[in-house]
Every structure is written in C-alpha cells, then in structure tokens.
Amino acid sequence: MPYTKRIEIRWRDMDGFGHVNNAVYLTYLEEARDEFYKRVTYANQHFSAGTQGWRTDMGRIYIKYGQPDEVVRNPFRFEGPPEEIWYYYRARYTFFFVDRDGFGRYEIDDSRSTKID
C-alpha cells in the first residue's frame, strides 16, 4: 500500500536560489514516517475487531487517506446491516463500510464506494 503525505516546503528549507537543500529531504521523510506511524497507532486503537486495526478495511483506508472530512454512521437500518460512510471531499472519495455479521467488523463495500476523477 503506497503512502503519500503532502509536505509544504518552508522558506528555511531553500537556498538563495530557491532550490531545496538536499539534507532537508531526510527531514521530509522523517515527517512522513512519523505521520504514517501515528495513523497506524490510531487504526490499531479504533478499528481492531478480532484482528489488528491496520489489517482491517477501515484501518487501511484511514492510514492511506487520513481522517475523513465527514463520517455518517447508520447503526440501525431496516433495509440492511449497519453501515458507516466516510467522505473525503478534497480528494472526492466516498467509502462505504458494512458490518455484515453484526460484530463490528466493518468491511468495505466496493460496489457503492466511489472514487471520482
């Protein structure tokens, strides 16, 4: 699973010609690594249901895209199992998670999840 993190270049990271100092790239990698491990820890704390949280569908999506902009929870549905919908407005992604067995093991519903390009 590729992981990307948007890092803004700071004024102090550049030389007088506007070039990024080569040593600064290691700082960028450290910042991305720290953010990645924070997300893995969060996923393990909040999405573990019989397995490690980073292995679940919700955990994988959280690690890759971060905190959703909006979460809609539908725990009591007459027409189907409980679901949770995550919206990422800037990236224009919508992920539907369904708890098919009723034990909190939400799985992604690929047929309804959208990625609009």
C-alpha atoms as a PDB file:
ATOM      1  CA  MET A   1       0.000   0.000   0.000  1.00  0.00           C
ATOM      2  CA  PRO A   2       1.696   3.218  -1.087  1.00  0.00           C
ATOM      3  CA  TYR A   3       1.598   6.056   1.399  1.00  0.00           C
ATOM      4  CA  THR A   4       1.869   9.702   0.481  1.00  0.00           C
ATOM      5  CA  LYS A   5       1.992  12.807   2.637  1.00  0.00           C
ATOM      6  CA  ARG A   6       1.728  16.374   1.417  1.00  0.00           C
ATOM      7  CA  ILE A   7       4.536  18.459   2.926  1.00  0.00           C
ATOM      8  CA  GLU A   8       4.803  22.181   2.364  1.00  0.00           C
ATOM      9  CA  ILE A   9       8.279  23.499   1.593  1.00  0.00           C
ATOM     10  CA  ARG A  10       9.318  26.051   4.171  1.00  0.00           C
ATOM     11  CA  TRP A  11      11.317  29.174   3.437  1.00  0.00           C
ATOM     12  CA  ARG A  12      14.212  27.975   5.584  1.00  0.00           C
ATOM     13  CA  ASP A  13      14.440  24.764   3.503  1.00  0.00           C
ATOM     14  CA  MET A  14      15.624  26.646   0.417  1.00  0.00           C
ATOM     15  CA  ASP A  15      18.866  28.312  -0.531  1.00  0.00           C
ATOM     16  CA  GLY A  16      19.179  31.783  -2.033  1.00  0.00           C
ATOM     17  CA  PHE A  17      18.246  30.492  -5.497  1.00  0.00           C
ATOM     18  CA  GLY A  18      15.031  28.782  -4.395  1.00  0.00           C
ATOM     19  CA  HIS A  19      16.492  25.261  -4.518  1.00  0.00           C
ATOM     20  CA  VAL A  20      15.659  22.822  -1.747  1.00  0.00           C
ATOM     21  CA  ASN A  21      18.660  21.877   0.370  1.00  0.00           C
ATOM     22  CA  ASN A  22      19.467  18.166  -0.193  1.00  0.00           C
ATOM     23  CA  ALA A  23      19.716  17.409   3.527  1.00  0.00           C
ATOM     24  CA  VAL A  24      16.136  18.616   4.021  1.00  0.00           C
ATOM     25  CA  TYR A  25      14.725  15.638   2.105  1.00  0.00           C
ATOM     26  CA  LEU A  26      15.602  13.392   5.049  1.00  0.00           C
ATOM     27  CA  THR A  27      13.564  15.677   7.299  1.00  0.00           C
ATOM     28  CA  TYR A  28      10.625  15.303   4.915  1.00  0.00           C
ATOM     29  CA  LEU A  29      10.954  11.514   5.053  1.00  0.00           C
ATOM     30  CA  GLU A  30      11.030  11.608   8.854  1.00  0.00           C
ATOM     31  CA  GLU A  31       7.871  13.731   8.952  1.00  0.00           C
ATOM     32  CA  ALA A  32       6.086  11.337   6.593  1.00  0.00           C
ATOM     33  CA  ARG A  33       7.240   8.318   8.619  1.00  0.00           C
ATOM     34  CA  ASP A  34       6.051   9.886  11.879  1.00  0.00           C
ATOM     35  CA  GLU A  35       2.627  10.654  10.378  1.00  0.00           C
ATOM     36  CA  PHE A  36       2.390   7.096   9.000  1.00  0.00           C
ATOM     37  CA  TYR A  37       3.081   5.526  12.396  1.00  0.00           C
ATOM     38  CA  LYS A  38       0.597   7.860  14.091  1.00  0.00           C
ATOM     39  CA  ARG A  39      -2.067   6.667  11.671  1.00  0.00           C
ATOM     40  CA  VAL A  40      -1.158   3.001  12.225  1.00  0.00           C
ATOM     41  CA  THR A  41      -1.414   3.503  16.004  1.00  0.00           C
ATOM     42  CA  TYR A  42      -4.792   5.231  15.617  1.00  0.00           C
ATOM     43  CA  ALA A  43      -6.043   2.432  13.362  1.00  0.00           C
ATOM     44  CA  ASN A  44      -4.957  -0.216  15.866  1.00  0.00           C
ATOM     45  CA  GLN A  45      -6.727   1.620  18.704  1.00  0.00           C
ATOM     46  CA  HIS A  46     -10.003   2.352  16.889  1.00  0.00           C
ATOM     47  CA  PHE A  47     -10.563  -0.263  14.188  1.00  0.00           C
ATOM     48  CA  SER A  48      -9.442  -3.548  15.732  1.00  0.00           C
ATOM     49  CA  ALA A  49     -12.216  -6.124  15.715  1.00  0.00           C
ATOM     50  CA  GLY A  50     -10.651  -9.521  16.281  1.00  0.00           C
ATOM     51  CA  THR A  51      -7.510  -8.506  14.393  1.00  0.00           C
ATOM     52  CA  GLN A  52      -5.010  -5.665  14.315  1.00  0.00           C
ATOM     53  CA  GLY A  53      -6.663  -2.417  13.224  1.00  0.00           C
ATOM     54  CA  TRP A  54      -4.220  -1.721  10.398  1.00  0.00           C
ATOM     55  CA  ARG A  55      -5.273  -5.013   8.763  1.00  0.00           C
ATOM     56  CA  THR A  56      -8.956  -4.030   8.567  1.00  0.00           C
ATOM     57  CA  ASP A  57     -10.522  -2.211   5.627  1.00  0.00           C
ATOM     58  CA  MET A  58     -11.241   0.844   7.773  1.00  0.00           C
ATOM     59  CA  GLY A  59      -7.679   0.835   9.070  1.00  0.00           C
ATOM     60  CA  ARG A  60      -6.174   0.610   5.585  1.00  0.00           C
ATOM     61  CA  ILE A  61      -8.306   3.478   4.294  1.00  0.00           C
ATOM     62  CA  TYR A  62      -7.526   5.596   7.373  1.00  0.00           C
ATOM     63  CA  ILE A  63      -3.780   5.015   7.019  1.00  0.00           C
ATOM     64  CA  LYS A  64      -3.787   5.864   3.325  1.00  0.00           C
ATOM     65  CA  TYR A  65      -6.125   8.889   3.318  1.00  0.00           C
ATOM     66  CA  GLY A  66      -6.178  10.096   6.929  1.00  0.00           C
ATOM     67  CA  GLN A  67      -9.126  11.396   8.918  1.00  0.00           C
ATOM     68  CA  PRO A  68     -12.285  11.618   6.779  1.00  0.00           C
ATOM     69  CA  ASP A  69     -13.898  15.015   6.318  1.00  0.00           C
ATOM     70  CA  GLU A  70     -17.271  13.601   7.327  1.00  0.00           C
ATOM     71  CA  VAL A  71     -18.455  10.310   8.803  1.00  0.00           C
ATOM     72  CA  VAL A  72     -22.081   9.177   8.612  1.00  0.00           C
ATOM     73  CA  ARG A  73     -22.985   6.266  10.869  1.00  0.00           C
ATOM     74  CA  ASN A  74     -26.141   4.241  10.267  1.00  0.00           C
ATOM     75  CA  PRO A  75     -26.129   1.632  13.065  1.00  0.00           C
ATOM     76  CA  PHE A  76     -29.831   0.740  12.791  1.00  0.00           C
ATOM     77  CA  ARG A  77     -31.016   0.154   9.240  1.00  0.00           C
ATOM     78  CA  PHE A  78     -34.197  -1.658   8.300  1.00  0.00           C
ATOM     79  CA  GLU A  79     -33.049  -2.426   4.770  1.00  0.00           C
ATOM     80  CA  GLY A  80     -29.625  -3.873   5.586  1.00  0.00           C
ATOM     81  CA  PRO A  81     -26.749  -4.289   8.005  1.00  0.00           C
ATOM     82  CA  PRO A  82     -25.182  -1.353   9.894  1.00  0.00           C
ATOM     83  CA  GLU A  83     -23.004   0.874   7.763  1.00  0.00           C
ATOM     84  CA  GLU A  84     -20.572   3.736   8.016  1.00  0.00           C
ATOM     85  CA  ILE A  85     -19.855   6.172   5.202  1.00  0.00           C
ATOM     86  CA  TRP A  86     -16.611   8.141   5.014  1.00  0.00           C
ATOM     87  CA  TYR A  87     -16.385  11.246   2.835  1.00  0.00           C
ATOM     88  CA  TYR A  88     -13.135  12.795   1.640  1.00  0.00           C
ATOM     89  CA  TYR A  89     -14.279  15.964  -0.095  1.00  0.00           C
ATOM     90  CA  ARG A  90     -10.968  17.334  -1.360  1.00  0.00           C
ATOM     91  CA  ALA A  91      -9.959  14.014  -2.931  1.00  0.00           C
ATOM     92  CA  ARG A  92     -13.597  13.299  -3.928  1.00  0.00           C
ATOM     93  CA  TYR A  93     -13.652   9.814  -2.406  1.00  0.00           C
ATOM     94  CA  THR A  94     -16.574   8.121  -0.700  1.00  0.00           C
ATOM     95  CA  PHE A  95     -16.125   4.824   1.139  1.00  0.00           C
ATOM     96  CA  PHE A  96     -18.998   2.651   2.371  1.00  0.00           C
ATOM     97  CA  PHE A  97     -18.263   0.186   5.161  1.00  0.00           C
ATOM     98  CA  VAL A  98     -20.778  -2.518   6.101  1.00  0.00           C
ATOM     99  CA  ASP A  99     -20.939  -4.644   9.272  1.00  0.00           C
ATOM    100  CA  ARG A 100     -22.289  -7.822   7.685  1.00  0.00           C
ATOM    101  CA  ASP A 101     -22.077 -10.076  10.747  1.00  0.00           C
ATOM    102  CA  GLY A 102     -23.074  -7.542  13.437  1.00  0.00           C
ATOM    103  CA  PHE A 103     -19.850  -7.836  15.456  1.00  0.00           C
ATOM    104  CA  GLY A 104     -18.255  -4.521  14.472  1.00  0.00           C
ATOM    105  CA  ARG A 105     -16.132  -5.955  11.668  1.00  0.00           C
ATOM    106  CA  TYR A 106     -16.803  -3.332   9.036  1.00  0.00           C
ATOM    107  CA  GLU A 107     -15.777  -4.294   5.511  1.00  0.00           C
ATOM    108  CA  ILE A 108     -15.596  -2.008   2.523  1.00  0.00           C
ATOM    109  CA  ASP A 109     -18.486  -2.218   0.059  1.00  0.00           C
ATOM    110  CA  ASP A 110     -16.716  -1.823  -3.282  1.00  0.00           C
ATOM    111  CA  SER A 111     -19.951  -1.694  -5.248  1.00  0.00           C
ATOM    112  CA  ARG A 112     -21.017   1.563  -3.540  1.00  0.00           C
ATOM    113  CA  SER A 113     -17.639   3.142  -2.743  1.00  0.00           C
ATOM    114  CA  THR A 114     -16.684   5.746  -5.288  1.00  0.00           C
ATOM    115  CA  LYS A 115     -13.552   7.470  -6.417  1.00  0.00           C
ATOM    116  CA  ILE A 116     -14.424  10.327  -8.748  1.00  0.00           C
ATOM    117  CA  ASP A 117     -11.638  11.506 -11.069  1.00  0.00           C
END
